[in-house]
Amino acid sequence: MTSLAILGVGKVGGETAFLAAALGLVDEIVAYDVYEPILRAQVLDLQHTGIDITISTDTAAMRDADIFVFAAGTPRTPVIKTRADLLEANIPVAKRCSELLRGFPGIVITVTNPMDANNYGLWKMMGIDRQRCIGFGGQLDSARFARFLGEAGVTGLAWVLGEHGEHQVPLFSKTGADVGLEEREAILSRMRGASMEVISGKGGTVFGPAYHIAMLIRAVLDDRREVLPCSCVLDGEYDLTGCSLGVPARIGREGILGIEEWKLDDWEGAKMAEAGAFVRALCRRFDV
């Protein structure tokens, strides 16, 4: 029996649970939220679909899950301008999460923002192999990048590395098109504000994140071994250490099977170094 545990079943966590059930990705979902009314409502809502799936709210059962999704904590609002601004609020949540997962043998997917720093923090506090901690965000950023490229009349591959936040690094070199610096910066500026437009309109991003999280879960459970933009704890890749950052990662049943080091152009390389320095500073909060 394949089991998925989700800590935090509000907007994104709840929709991820629904998609995992509806797509038949797992046989059991272990759901928990500190806010009892939302937990009860989400469990009932899932049960009312009639989908044949086991649902538990026992946090002890999370340690037996194949995949654990960390989606708890304070979300972004129109007042909170960047994901990094959530670090102090969500550090205690990440610490509580690591305590719940003590001895966990499965794969961890970090969603809670600032995702890159929290992914590093969970790895550090849990003391597990770095290939079992996968940070989510790059798939969503890449989908947004593809949309903006299309609107600019640019076709080609859309990949975003770096931080899941202000320091994201869109790889224009992968498109095969000659995109000038001014247009690059304009598209990057639009990408930085993409989620806020959704948050302002409906209170939070839901469909995009949940869909791509479900696809990441599928990549792990089906051992797809496909390369996806994911945040990984780095140990020299892209000349970076001491942080978790978005890179091209081959994902399979055992988590991160390998990290590909692609050649970046000068603009991308500089942005990647900036992203590494920024996220590394956030990660230091977990080293004390």
Protein backbone atom coordinates (compact mmCIF):
# COMPACT_ATOMS: atom_id res chain seq x y z
CA MET A 1 0.00 0.00 0.00
CA THR A 2 1.36 3.43 -1.01
CA SER A 3 0.94 6.16 1.59
CA LEU A 4 1.17 9.95 1.35
CA ALA A 5 1.41 12.15 4.44
CA ILE A 6 0.62 15.87 4.28
CA LEU A 7 1.28 18.26 7.14
CA GLY A 8 -0.84 21.35 6.53
CA VAL A 9 -4.02 20.70 4.54
CA GLY A 10 -5.18 24.21 3.83
CA LYS A 11 -5.39 25.52 0.27
CA VAL A 12 -2.36 23.85 -1.34
CA GLY A 13 -2.08 20.86 0.99
CA GLY A 14 -5.79 20.10 0.70
CA GLU A 15 -5.81 20.36 -3.08
CA THR A 16 -2.71 18.15 -3.26
CA ALA A 17 -4.50 15.52 -1.16
CA PHE A 18 -7.49 15.67 -3.50
CA LEU A 19 -5.36 15.35 -6.65
CA ALA A 20 -3.36 12.45 -5.19
CA ALA A 21 -6.64 10.67 -4.45
CA ALA A 22 -8.38 11.57 -7.71
CA LEU A 23 -5.40 10.56 -9.85
CA GLY A 24 -5.00 7.28 -7.98
CA LEU A 25 -1.41 8.07 -7.00
CA VAL A 26 -1.69 6.60 -3.50
CA ASP A 27 -3.78 4.16 -1.49
CA GLU A 28 -3.68 6.06 1.80
CA ILE A 29 -3.47 9.71 2.84
CA VAL A 30 -2.37 10.76 6.31
CA ALA A 31 -3.50 14.36 6.76
CA TYR A 32 -2.94 16.72 9.64
CA ASP A 33 -3.46 20.41 10.32
CA VAL A 34 -3.12 22.26 13.59
CA TYR A 35 -6.42 24.00 12.83
CA GLU A 36 -8.95 21.30 13.66
CA PRO A 37 -11.94 22.75 11.70
CA ILE A 38 -10.03 22.81 8.39
CA LEU A 39 -8.65 19.32 9.01
CA ARG A 40 -12.12 17.93 9.72
CA ALA A 41 -13.60 19.72 6.71
CA GLN A 42 -10.91 18.54 4.31
CA VAL A 43 -11.21 14.93 5.46
CA LEU A 44 -14.99 15.02 5.06
CA ASP A 45 -14.68 16.67 1.65
CA LEU A 46 -12.34 13.91 0.49
CA GLN A 47 -14.61 11.21 1.87
CA HIS A 48 -17.59 12.76 0.10
CA THR A 49 -15.92 12.23 -3.29
CA GLY A 50 -16.54 8.52 -2.89
CA ILE A 51 -12.97 7.76 -3.97
CA ASP A 52 -11.80 4.46 -2.49
CA ILE A 53 -8.90 5.67 -0.37
CA THR A 54 -7.93 5.30 3.28
CA ILE A 55 -7.70 8.59 5.19
CA SER A 56 -5.99 8.95 8.56
CA THR A 57 -5.30 11.94 10.83
CA ASP A 58 -2.87 10.12 13.12
CA THR A 59 0.43 12.03 13.09
CA ALA A 60 2.29 8.92 14.29
CA ALA A 61 1.32 7.24 11.00
CA MET A 62 3.21 9.92 9.07
CA ARG A 63 6.50 8.18 9.82
CA ASP A 64 5.28 5.14 7.87
CA ALA A 65 4.37 7.08 4.73
CA ASP A 66 6.29 6.70 1.47
CA ILE A 67 6.21 10.45 0.83
CA PHE A 68 5.76 13.31 3.27
CA VAL A 69 4.67 16.77 2.06
CA PHE A 70 5.49 19.70 4.34
CA ALA A 71 2.84 22.33 3.53
CA ALA A 72 2.13 23.77 7.00
CA GLY A 73 2.86 27.25 8.27
CA THR A 74 2.05 30.88 7.56
CA PRO A 75 1.22 31.47 3.88
CA ARG A 76 1.85 34.57 1.78
CA THR A 77 -0.73 37.33 1.73
CA PRO A 78 -0.85 40.60 -0.23
CA VAL A 79 0.90 42.21 2.78
CA ILE A 80 3.79 39.71 2.74
CA LYS A 81 5.75 40.78 -0.31
CA THR A 82 8.34 37.99 -0.58
CA ARG A 83 8.53 34.35 0.45
CA ALA A 84 11.71 35.06 2.41
CA ASP A 85 9.70 37.32 4.73
CA LEU A 86 8.02 34.18 6.10
CA LEU A 87 11.22 32.62 7.46
CA GLU A 88 10.95 33.67 11.11
CA ALA A 89 7.27 32.74 11.27
CA ASN A 90 7.80 29.29 9.79
CA ILE A 91 11.06 28.18 11.44
CA PRO A 92 9.15 26.88 14.52
CA VAL A 93 6.80 24.98 12.20
CA ALA A 94 9.74 23.37 10.39
CA LYS A 95 11.25 22.38 13.74
CA ARG A 96 7.98 20.78 14.84
CA CYS A 97 7.81 18.99 11.49
CA SER A 98 11.31 17.55 11.95
CA GLU A 99 10.29 16.26 15.38
CA LEU A 100 7.24 14.51 13.92
CA LEU A 101 9.46 12.88 11.29
CA ARG A 102 12.19 11.60 13.53
CA GLY A 103 13.36 8.31 12.02
CA PHE A 104 11.39 8.85 8.80
CA PRO A 105 12.74 6.57 6.02
CA GLY A 106 10.80 8.02 3.07
CA ILE A 107 10.96 11.03 0.75
CA VAL A 108 10.31 14.58 2.01
CA ILE A 109 8.82 17.22 -0.29
CA THR A 110 9.08 20.75 1.09
CA VAL A 111 6.44 23.28 0.03
CA THR A 112 6.29 25.71 2.97
CA ASN A 113 7.94 29.06 2.23
CA PRO A 114 10.63 30.17 2.13
CA MET A 115 10.86 26.75 0.56
CA ASP A 116 14.60 26.58 -0.20
CA ALA A 117 15.62 27.52 3.33
CA ASN A 118 13.01 25.22 4.88
CA ASN A 119 14.16 22.32 2.72
CA TYR A 120 17.71 22.86 3.95
CA GLY A 121 16.42 23.19 7.51
CA LEU A 122 14.49 19.92 7.42
CA TRP A 123 17.51 18.11 6.00
CA LYS A 124 19.72 19.59 8.70
CA MET A 125 17.37 18.89 11.61
CA MET A 126 16.33 15.41 10.47
CA GLY A 127 19.87 14.30 9.66
CA ILE A 128 18.82 12.31 6.58
CA ASP A 129 20.53 11.83 3.23
CA ARG A 130 20.20 14.94 1.11
CA GLN A 131 18.73 13.02 -1.81
CA ARG A 132 15.59 12.38 0.24
CA CYS A 133 14.78 16.11 0.71
CA ILE A 134 13.16 17.62 -2.39
CA GLY A 135 12.09 21.26 -2.46
CA PHE A 136 9.09 22.13 -4.62
CA GLY A 137 8.80 25.34 -6.62
CA GLY A 138 10.87 25.14 -9.79
CA GLN A 139 8.19 23.29 -11.76
CA LEU A 140 5.66 26.04 -11.03
CA ASP A 141 8.15 28.81 -11.82
CA SER A 142 9.03 27.06 -15.09
CA ALA A 143 5.37 26.80 -16.09
CA ARG A 144 4.97 30.53 -15.48
CA PHE A 145 8.16 31.20 -17.45
CA ALA A 146 6.79 29.19 -20.39
CA ARG A 147 3.67 31.34 -20.40
CA PHE A 148 5.59 34.61 -20.38
CA LEU A 149 7.94 33.36 -23.09
CA GLY A 150 4.96 32.47 -25.26
CA GLU A 151 3.48 35.92 -24.78
CA ALA A 152 6.83 37.38 -25.88
CA GLY A 153 6.83 35.20 -29.00
CA VAL A 154 9.69 33.02 -27.77
CA THR A 155 9.46 29.27 -28.20
CA GLY A 156 11.70 26.65 -26.65
CA LEU A 157 12.35 24.94 -23.34
CA ALA A 158 11.35 26.83 -20.20
CA TRP A 159 13.52 26.10 -17.16
CA VAL A 160 13.83 28.09 -13.95
CA LEU A 161 16.57 27.38 -11.40
CA GLY A 162 17.76 29.29 -8.33
CA GLU A 163 15.54 30.43 -5.48
CA HIS A 164 11.80 29.90 -5.46
CA GLY A 165 11.34 33.60 -4.91
CA GLU A 166 12.84 36.94 -5.91
CA HIS A 167 16.14 35.30 -6.89
CA GLN A 168 14.77 32.81 -9.39
CA VAL A 169 16.93 32.19 -12.45
CA PRO A 170 15.10 31.71 -15.78
CA LEU A 171 17.34 29.96 -18.30
CA PHE A 172 16.92 31.94 -21.51
CA SER A 173 19.88 30.02 -22.96
CA LYS A 174 17.75 26.86 -22.97
CA THR A 175 15.13 28.43 -25.24
CA GLY A 176 17.44 28.53 -28.23
CA ALA A 177 16.39 32.15 -28.85
CA ASP A 178 18.50 35.29 -28.61
CA VAL A 179 16.77 37.24 -25.84
CA GLY A 180 18.36 40.56 -24.95
CA LEU A 181 19.18 41.66 -21.42
CA GLU A 182 16.41 44.26 -21.28
CA GLU A 183 13.77 41.73 -22.29
CA ARG A 184 15.22 39.15 -19.88
CA GLU A 185 14.91 41.56 -16.97
CA ALA A 186 11.38 42.52 -18.01
CA ILE A 187 10.25 38.88 -18.09
CA LEU A 188 12.01 38.17 -14.79
CA SER A 189 10.19 41.11 -13.21
CA ARG A 190 6.86 39.70 -14.39
CA MET A 191 7.75 36.29 -12.98
CA ARG A 192 8.53 37.76 -9.58
CA GLY A 193 5.04 39.20 -9.40
CA ALA A 194 3.17 36.27 -10.96
CA SER A 195 2.01 34.66 -7.71
CA MET A 196 1.04 37.94 -6.04
CA GLU A 197 -1.55 38.63 -8.72
CA VAL A 198 -3.20 35.30 -7.89
CA ILE A 199 -2.87 35.85 -4.13
CA SER A 200 -4.46 39.30 -4.38
CA GLY A 201 -7.34 37.96 -6.45
CA LYS A 202 -8.26 34.76 -4.57
CA GLY A 203 -6.24 34.69 -1.36
CA GLY A 204 -3.59 32.20 -2.43
CA THR A 205 -2.15 30.10 -5.23
CA VAL A 206 -3.75 26.66 -5.33
CA PHE A 207 -4.23 24.92 -8.68
CA GLY A 208 -0.74 25.54 -10.07
CA PRO A 209 1.23 24.45 -7.00
CA ALA A 210 -0.99 21.46 -6.22
CA TYR A 211 -0.88 20.15 -9.80
CA HIS A 212 2.91 20.29 -9.99
CA ILE A 213 3.31 18.80 -6.49
CA ALA A 214 1.12 15.90 -7.64
CA MET A 215 3.33 15.46 -10.71
CA LEU A 216 6.41 15.45 -8.47
CA ILE A 217 4.80 12.80 -6.25
CA ARG A 218 4.04 10.75 -9.35
CA ALA A 219 7.64 11.06 -10.57
CA VAL A 220 8.85 9.62 -7.26
CA LEU A 221 6.32 6.83 -6.87
CA ASP A 222 6.51 5.71 -10.52
CA ASP A 223 10.33 5.92 -10.47
CA ARG A 224 10.14 8.05 -13.61
CA ARG A 225 13.78 9.15 -13.40
CA GLU A 226 12.93 12.36 -15.23
CA VAL A 227 14.79 15.63 -14.80
CA LEU A 228 12.76 18.31 -13.01
CA PRO A 229 13.68 21.71 -11.55
CA CYS A 230 13.75 21.01 -7.81
CA SER A 231 15.44 22.54 -4.80
CA CYS A 232 18.24 20.27 -3.61
CA VAL A 233 20.74 20.53 -0.76
CA LEU A 234 23.94 21.35 -2.62
CA ASP A 235 27.43 20.05 -1.93
CA GLY A 236 29.56 21.77 -4.55
CA GLU A 237 27.15 21.62 -7.48
CA TYR A 238 27.14 24.97 -9.33
CA ASP A 239 29.99 25.90 -6.94
CA LEU A 240 27.51 26.21 -4.09
CA THR A 241 27.32 24.64 -0.64
CA GLY A 242 25.47 25.30 2.59
CA CYS A 243 22.07 25.85 0.99
CA SER A 244 19.22 24.23 -0.92
CA LEU A 245 18.60 25.71 -4.36
CA GLY A 246 16.67 24.96 -7.53
CA VAL A 247 18.69 22.83 -9.95
CA PRO A 248 17.94 20.21 -12.63
CA ALA A 249 17.44 17.01 -10.62
CA ARG A 250 16.71 13.49 -11.80
CA ILE A 251 13.79 12.28 -9.68
CA GLY A 252 12.88 8.67 -8.94
CA ARG A 253 11.77 6.29 -6.25
CA GLU A 254 14.76 7.04 -4.05
CA GLY A 255 14.32 10.79 -4.37
CA ILE A 256 17.06 12.83 -6.02
CA LEU A 257 19.00 10.35 -8.14
CA GLY A 258 21.40 12.96 -9.47
CA ILE A 259 21.91 16.65 -10.13
CA GLU A 260 22.78 17.83 -13.63
CA GLU A 261 25.19 20.75 -13.92
CA TRP A 262 24.27 22.67 -17.02
CA LYS A 263 26.39 25.35 -18.64
CA LEU A 264 24.90 28.76 -17.87
CA ASP A 265 25.53 31.94 -19.82
CA ASP A 266 27.08 34.96 -18.05
CA TRP A 267 23.73 36.53 -17.08
CA GLU A 268 22.38 33.23 -15.73
CA GLY A 269 25.62 32.41 -13.92
CA ALA A 270 25.61 35.77 -12.14
CA LYS A 271 21.96 35.36 -11.16
CA MET A 272 22.64 31.84 -9.87
CA ALA A 273 25.51 33.06 -7.71
CA GLU A 274 23.28 35.82 -6.31
CA ALA A 275 20.55 33.28 -5.56
CA GLY A 276 23.03 31.04 -3.78
CA ALA A 277 24.36 33.86 -1.62
CA PHE A 278 20.86 35.03 -0.71
CA VAL A 279 19.51 31.58 0.20
CA ARG A 280 22.69 30.58 2.01
CA ALA A 281 22.19 33.56 4.33
CA LEU A 282 18.64 32.37 5.10
CA CYS A 283 19.85 28.83 5.72
CA ARG A 284 22.25 30.02 8.43
CA ARG A 285 19.22 30.39 10.72
CA PHE A 286 19.11 26.59 10.85
CA ASP A 287 22.79 26.23 11.76
CA VAL A 288 22.41 27.73 15.25
